[in-house]
C-alpha atoms as a PDB file:
ATOM      1  CA  MET A   1      -0.002  -0.021  -0.007  1.00  0.00           C
ATOM      2  CA  CYS A   2       2.792   2.445   0.864  1.00  0.00           C
ATOM      3  CA  LYS A   3       4.676   1.544  -2.297  1.00  0.00           C
ATOM      4  CA  ILE A   4       1.660   2.284  -4.478  1.00  0.00           C
ATOM      5  CA  HIS A   5       1.312   5.698  -2.826  1.00  0.00           C
ATOM      6  CA  ALA A   6       5.040   6.338  -3.282  1.00  0.00           C
ATOM      7  CA  ILE A   7       4.882   5.430  -6.994  1.00  0.00           C
ATOM      8  CA  THR A   8       1.849   7.717  -7.410  1.00  0.00           C
ATOM      9  CA  TYR A   9       3.554  10.629  -5.690  1.00  0.00           C
ATOM     10  CA  GLU A  10       6.767  10.123  -7.617  1.00  0.00           C
ATOM     11  CA  ALA A  11       4.820  10.140 -10.852  1.00  0.00           C
ATOM     12  CA  LEU A  12       2.860  13.202  -9.914  1.00  0.00           C
ATOM     13  CA  MET A  13       6.020  15.108  -8.935  1.00  0.00           C
ATOM     14  CA  GLU A  14       7.459  14.596 -12.392  1.00  0.00           C
ATOM     15  CA  ASP A  15       4.910  17.115 -13.718  1.00  0.00           C
ATOM     16  CA  GLU A  16       6.146  20.696 -13.139  1.00  0.00           C
ATOM     17  CA  GLU A  17       2.695  22.216 -13.395  1.00  0.00           C
ATOM     18  CA  SER A  18       1.447  19.897 -10.641  1.00  0.00           C
ATOM     19  CA  GLN A  19       4.424  20.862  -8.501  1.00  0.00           C
ATOM     20  CA  ILE A  20       3.483  24.490  -8.772  1.00  0.00           C
ATOM     21  CA  ARG A  21      -0.314  24.159  -8.451  1.00  0.00           C
ATOM     22  CA  GLY A  22      -0.259  21.586  -5.695  1.00  0.00           C
ATOM     23  CA  PHE A  23      -2.421  18.573  -5.013  1.00  0.00           C
ATOM     24  CA  VAL A  24      -5.929  17.859  -3.852  1.00  0.00           C
ATOM     25  CA  HIS A  25      -6.244  14.406  -2.223  1.00  0.00           C
ATOM     26  CA  PHE A  26      -9.494  12.425  -2.063  1.00  0.00           C
ATOM     27  CA  ALA A  27     -10.047   9.175  -0.166  1.00  0.00           C
ATOM     28  CA  ASP A  28     -13.081   6.979   0.238  1.00  0.00           C
ATOM     29  CA  GLY A  29     -12.885   4.981   3.469  1.00  0.00           C
ATOM     30  CA  ALA A  30     -15.782   2.690   2.570  1.00  0.00           C
ATOM     31  CA  GLY A  31     -14.780  -0.865   3.519  1.00  0.00           C
ATOM     32  CA  VAL A  32     -11.893   0.247   5.727  1.00  0.00           C
ATOM     33  CA  SER A  33     -12.461  -0.688   9.394  1.00  0.00           C
ATOM     34  CA  PHE A  34     -10.703  -1.488  12.654  1.00  0.00           C
ATOM     35  CA  PRO A  35      -8.885  -4.695  11.431  1.00  0.00           C
ATOM     36  CA  HIS A  36      -7.036  -2.573   8.858  1.00  0.00           C
ATOM     37  CA  LEU A  37      -5.282  -0.747  11.674  1.00  0.00           C
ATOM     38  CA  THR A  38      -3.266  -3.947  12.335  1.00  0.00           C
ATOM     39  CA  LEU A  39      -1.407  -3.493   9.054  1.00  0.00           C
ATOM     40  CA  PHE A  40       1.069  -1.094  10.841  1.00  0.00           C
ATOM     41  CA  THR A  41       2.377  -0.895  14.376  1.00  0.00           C
ATOM     42  CA  PRO A  42       1.814   2.424  16.134  1.00  0.00           C
ATOM     43  CA  LYS A  43       5.498   3.268  15.645  1.00  0.00           C
ATOM     44  CA  GLU A  44       5.243   2.523  11.890  1.00  0.00           C
ATOM     45  CA  ALA A  45       2.123   4.593  11.597  1.00  0.00           C
ATOM     46  CA  VAL A  46       3.820   7.596  13.248  1.00  0.00           C
ATOM     47  CA  ARG A  47       6.789   7.253  10.948  1.00  0.00           C
ATOM     48  CA  ILE A  48       4.631   6.990   7.797  1.00  0.00           C
ATOM     49  CA  VAL A  49       2.645  10.133   8.722  1.00  0.00           C
ATOM     50  CA  LYS A  50       5.573  12.256   9.926  1.00  0.00           C
ATOM     51  CA  ASN A  51       8.064  11.196   7.298  1.00  0.00           C
ATOM     52  CA  GLY A  52       5.420  11.370   4.590  1.00  0.00           C
ATOM     53  CA  GLU A  53       4.532  14.972   5.499  1.00  0.00           C
ATOM     54  CA  ARG A  54       8.069  16.191   5.924  1.00  0.00           C
ATOM     55  CA  THR A  55      10.096  14.384   3.259  1.00  0.00           C
ATOM     56  CA  VAL A  56       7.788  14.322   0.234  1.00  0.00           C
ATOM     57  CA  PRO A  57       8.042  17.805  -1.461  1.00  0.00           C
ATOM     58  CA  MET A  58       4.400  18.123  -2.377  1.00  0.00           C
ATOM     59  CA  ARG A  59       2.099  21.096  -2.009  1.00  0.00           C
ATOM     60  CA  HIS A  60      -0.904  19.612  -0.237  1.00  0.00           C
ATOM     61  CA  LYS A  61      -3.743  22.023  -1.058  1.00  0.00           C
ATOM     62  CA  GLU A  62      -6.682  20.013   0.221  1.00  0.00           C
ATOM     63  CA  VAL A  63      -7.357  16.591   1.672  1.00  0.00           C
ATOM     64  CA  HIS A  64     -10.880  15.206   1.569  1.00  0.00           C
ATOM     65  CA  ALA A  65     -11.950  11.885   3.100  1.00  0.00           C
ATOM     66  CA  ILE A  66     -15.422  10.398   3.000  1.00  0.00           C
ATOM     67  CA  ASN A  67     -17.100   7.352   4.627  1.00  0.00           C
ATOM     68  CA  ALA A  68     -14.713   7.111   7.529  1.00  0.00           C
ATOM     69  CA  HIS A  69     -15.866   4.189   9.715  1.00  0.00           C
ATOM     70  CA  PRO A  70     -16.754   5.233  13.277  1.00  0.00           C
ATOM     71  CA  SER A  71     -14.295   2.640  14.666  1.00  0.00           C
ATOM     72  CA  LEU A  72     -11.435   4.522  13.085  1.00  0.00           C
ATOM     73  CA  LYS A  73     -12.181   7.796  14.750  1.00  0.00           C
ATOM     74  CA  PHE A  74      -9.470   7.400  17.442  1.00  0.00           C
ATOM     75  CA  ALA A  75      -6.888   6.471  14.742  1.00  0.00           C
ATOM     76  CA  LEU A  76      -7.891   9.507  12.647  1.00  0.00           C
ATOM     77  CA  ASP A  77      -7.692  11.781  15.696  1.00  0.00           C
ATOM     78  CA  PHE A  78      -4.274  10.325  16.496  1.00  0.00           C
ATOM     79  CA  GLY A  79      -3.099  10.819  12.884  1.00  0.00           C
ATOM     80  CA  MET A  80      -4.358  14.412  12.894  1.00  0.00           C
ATOM     81  CA  SER A  81      -2.386  15.129  16.056  1.00  0.00           C
ATOM     82  CA  LEU A  82       0.802  14.170  14.226  1.00  0.00           C
ATOM     83  CA  ILE A  83       0.549  16.553  11.273  1.00  0.00           C
ATOM     84  CA  SER A  84       1.349  20.236  11.174  1.00  0.00           C
ATOM     85  CA  GLU A  85      -1.303  22.808  11.811  1.00  0.00           C
ATOM     86  CA  LYS A  86      -1.012  24.043   8.239  1.00  0.00           C
ATOM     87  CA  ILE A  87      -1.830  20.614   6.805  1.00  0.00           C
ATOM     88  CA  LYS A  88      -4.373  19.922   9.528  1.00  0.00           C
ATOM     89  CA  SER A  89      -6.332  22.981   8.525  1.00  0.00           C
ATOM     90  CA  ARG A  90      -6.603  21.572   4.969  1.00  0.00           C
ATOM     91  CA  VAL A  91      -8.007  18.122   6.003  1.00  0.00           C
ATOM     92  CA  LYS A  92     -11.723  17.658   5.819  1.00  0.00           C
ATOM     93  CA  ILE A  93     -13.345  14.395   6.946  1.00  0.00           C
ATOM     94  CA  TYR A  94     -16.971  13.793   5.843  1.00  0.00           C
ATOM     95  CA  THR A  95     -19.485  11.177   6.855  1.00  0.00           C
ATOM     96  CA  SER A  96     -20.645  10.689   3.245  1.00  0.00           C
ATOM     97  CA  LEU A  97     -20.190  11.943  -0.307  1.00  0.00           C
ATOM     98  CA  GLU A  98     -23.344  13.946   0.007  1.00  0.00           C
ATOM     99  CA  ASP A  99     -21.954  15.619   3.150  1.00  0.00           C
ATOM    100  CA  ALA A 100     -18.784  16.511   1.236  1.00  0.00           C
ATOM    101  CA  LEU A 101     -20.644  17.891  -1.760  1.00  0.00           C
ATOM    102  CA  ASN A 102     -22.947  19.927   0.524  1.00  0.00           C
ATOM    103  CA  ASN A 103     -19.821  21.437   2.072  1.00  0.00           C
ATOM    104  CA  LYS A 104     -18.794  22.780  -1.292  1.00  0.00           C
ATOM    105  CA  MET A 105     -16.122  20.201  -2.195  1.00  0.00           C
ATOM    106  CA  ASP A 106     -15.311  20.603  -5.939  1.00  0.00           C
ATOM    107  CA  ALA A 107     -16.848  17.558  -7.608  1.00  0.00           C
ATOM    108  CA  SER A 108     -15.248  18.266 -10.950  1.00  0.00           C
ATOM    109  CA  MET A 109     -12.001  16.489  -9.824  1.00  0.00           C
ATOM    110  CA  LEU A 110     -13.933  13.322  -8.905  1.00  0.00           C
ATOM    111  CA  PRO A 111     -14.819  10.325 -11.049  1.00  0.00           C
ATOM    112  CA  LYS A 112     -18.378  10.232 -12.503  1.00  0.00           C
ATOM    113  CA  GLU A 113     -19.351   7.685  -9.871  1.00  0.00           C
ATOM    114  CA  TYR A 114     -18.687  10.303  -7.223  1.00  0.00           C
ATOM    115  CA  GLY A 115     -20.409  13.193  -8.981  1.00  0.00           C
ATOM    116  CA  GLY A 116     -17.729  14.223 -11.437  1.00  0.00           C
ATOM    117  CA  THR A 117     -17.755  14.005 -15.208  1.00  0.00           C
ATOM    118  CA  MET A 118     -15.201  11.365 -16.259  1.00  0.00           C
ATOM    119  CA  PRO A 119     -15.907   7.671 -15.508  1.00  0.00           C
ATOM    120  CA  MET A 120     -13.457   6.035 -13.080  1.00  0.00           C
ATOM    121  CA  LYS A 121     -12.467   3.393 -15.640  1.00  0.00           C
ATOM    122  CA  GLU A 122     -11.386   6.134 -18.066  1.00  0.00           C
ATOM    123  CA  MET A 123      -9.424   7.864 -15.282  1.00  0.00           C
ATOM    124  CA  ILE A 124      -7.655   4.613 -14.432  1.00  0.00           C
ATOM    125  CA  ASP A 125      -6.847   3.880 -18.044  1.00  0.00           C
ATOM    126  CA  LEU A 126      -5.416   7.372 -18.550  1.00  0.00           C
ATOM    127  CA  TRP A 127      -3.368   7.066 -15.318  1.00  0.00           C
ATOM    128  CA  ARG A 128      -2.092   3.680 -16.376  1.00  0.00           C
ATOM    129  CA  GLN A 129      -1.049   5.130 -19.749  1.00  0.00           C
ATOM    130  CA  GLU A 130       0.736   8.000 -18.046  1.00  0.00           C
ATOM    131  CA  LEU A 131       2.599   5.596 -15.692  1.00  0.00           C
ATOM    132  CA  LEU A 132       3.722   3.536 -18.681  1.00  0.00           C
ATOM    133  CA  GLU A 133       5.036   6.660 -20.423  1.00  0.00           C
ATOM    134  CA  ILE A 134       7.196   7.586 -17.444  1.00  0.00           C
ATOM    135  CA  ARG A 135       8.082   4.074 -16.438  1.00  0.00           C
ATOM    136  CA  PRO A 136      11.782   4.492 -17.272  1.00  0.00           C
ATOM    137  CA  ILE A 137      11.935   7.574 -15.049  1.00  0.00           C
ATOM    138  CA  LEU A 138      10.191   5.822 -12.189  1.00  0.00           C
ATOM    139  CA  LEU A 139      12.520   2.815 -12.537  1.00  0.00           C
ATOM    140  CA  SER A 140      15.527   5.128 -12.486  1.00  0.00           C
ATOM    141  CA  HIS A 141      14.437   6.333  -9.036  1.00  0.00           C
ATOM    142  CA  ASP A 142      14.992   2.823  -7.773  1.00  0.00           C
ATOM    143  CA  LYS A 143      18.606   2.950  -8.996  1.00  0.00           C
ATOM    144  CA  MET A 144      19.429   5.989  -6.936  1.00  0.00           C
ATOM    145  CA  GLN A 145      21.722   5.381  -3.993  1.00  0.00           C
ATOM    146  CA  VAL A 146      22.018   7.231  -0.757  1.00  0.00           C
ATOM    147  CA  CYS A 147      25.267   7.615   1.069  1.00  0.00           C
ATOM    148  CA  LEU A 148      24.020   6.026   4.279  1.00  0.00           C
ATOM    149  CA  ASP A 149      27.284   6.847   6.143  1.00  0.00           C
ATOM    150  CA  GLN A 150      26.179  10.497   6.117  1.00  0.00           C
ATOM    151  CA  TYR A 151      23.084   9.704   8.216  1.00  0.00           C
ATOM    152  CA  SER A 152      22.727   8.766  11.841  1.00  0.00           C
ATOM    153  CA  GLU A 153      21.440   5.309  12.836  1.00  0.00           C
ATOM    154  CA  LYS A 154      18.138   6.906  13.830  1.00  0.00           C
ATOM    155  CA  ALA A 155      17.815   8.571  10.459  1.00  0.00           C
ATOM    156  CA  ARG A 156      18.494   5.284   8.616  1.00  0.00           C
ATOM    157  CA  GLU A 157      15.723   3.653  10.709  1.00  0.00           C
ATOM    158  CA  GLY A 158      13.254   6.436   9.741  1.00  0.00           C
ATOM    159  CA  ALA A 159      13.005   7.862  13.235  1.00  0.00           C
ATOM    160  CA  VAL A 160      10.878  10.994  13.475  1.00  0.00           C
ATOM    161  CA  SER A 161      13.458  12.717  15.705  1.00  0.00           C
ATOM    162  CA  ALA A 162      15.925  12.513  12.828  1.00  0.00           C
ATOM    163  CA  LEU A 163      13.749  14.919  10.830  1.00  0.00           C
ATOM    164  CA  LYS A 164      15.000  17.750  12.996  1.00  0.00           C
ATOM    165  CA  GLN A 165      18.465  17.289  11.506  1.00  0.00           C
ATOM    166  CA  GLY A 166      19.488  18.546   8.085  1.00  0.00           C
ATOM    167  CA  PHE A 167      19.451  15.700   5.627  1.00  0.00           C
ATOM    168  CA  GLY A 168      22.981  14.308   5.751  1.00  0.00           C
ATOM    169  CA  CYS A 169      24.258  17.517   7.315  1.00  0.00           C
ATOM    170  CA  SER A 170      24.770  18.858  10.791  1.00  0.00           C
ATOM    171  CA  SER A 171      21.861  19.439  13.054  1.00  0.00           C
ATOM    172  CA  VAL A 172      19.634  22.392  12.342  1.00  0.00           C
ATOM    173  CA  GLY A 173      20.978  25.427  14.155  1.00  0.00           C
ATOM    174  CA  SER A 174      24.357  23.883  15.003  1.00  0.00           C
ATOM    175  CA  SER A 175      27.590  25.819  14.599  1.00  0.00           C
ATOM    176  CA  ASP A 176      29.085  23.148  12.389  1.00  0.00           C
ATOM    177  CA  SER A 177      30.364  24.961   9.282  1.00  0.00           C
ATOM    178  CA  MET A 178      30.038  21.960   6.986  1.00  0.00           C
ATOM    179  CA  MET A 179      27.552  22.780   4.226  1.00  0.00           C
ATOM    180  CA  CYS A 180      25.964  19.861   2.400  1.00  0.00           C
ATOM    181  CA  GLY A 181      23.158  21.628   0.686  1.00  0.00           C
ATOM    182  CA  ILE A 182      20.602  24.357   1.020  1.00  0.00           C
ATOM    183  CA  SER A 183      17.738  23.975   3.447  1.00  0.00           C
ATOM    184  CA  GLY A 184      14.400  25.406   2.803  1.00  0.00           C
ATOM    185  CA  SER A 185      11.865  25.990   0.108  1.00  0.00           C
ATOM    186  CA  PHE A 186      12.211  27.839  -3.184  1.00  0.00           C
ATOM    187  CA  ARG A 187       8.531  28.637  -3.656  1.00  0.00           C
ATOM    188  CA  LYS A 188       9.263  32.387  -3.464  1.00  0.00           C
ATOM    189  CA  LEU A 189      12.730  32.372  -5.085  1.00  0.00           C
ATOM    190  CA  GLU A 190      13.288  35.470  -7.165  1.00  0.00           C
ATOM    191  CA  VAL A 191      15.944  35.446  -9.847  1.00  0.00           C
ATOM    192  CA  ASP A 192      17.095  38.644 -11.588  1.00  0.00           C
END
């Protein structure tokens, strides 16, 4: 499940226009219930949420979820407590599709079966075609290597505490003069 999401995000990030405009996420929780929580340990769940938010360079514009099973409320509340206030303010959880549409969620991005215009099968076929077109690029991502000796043991394990350090560099705010890269975002970079 995580690999499919990673491939999807890698593919989406290849499109410069999408990088600039950002992403709207939509999830239907129908059929997902308490037993699905056993797929991940609490520690793994924390790492997935925290690392996903902080290491994937995506502009999350909106996150919409419908049909969340009541037994998952505590898990959703826990997950929401892990994400930044900025992202948290963009997450909307609805009891049903009708509830989402009544709260002015843009249906144009959805498949026809959810109130949009394009049938889901057509969307899936187009997405499959797009993935096949960029397959060599996606496969090249798997060939990339990371110099693991530049990272602490905690960072190699995916520990959330390691996110406070610069990637492969000294800790954020330390007086170490070694410069391994530039931290930050270039969303507002101005070039003369």
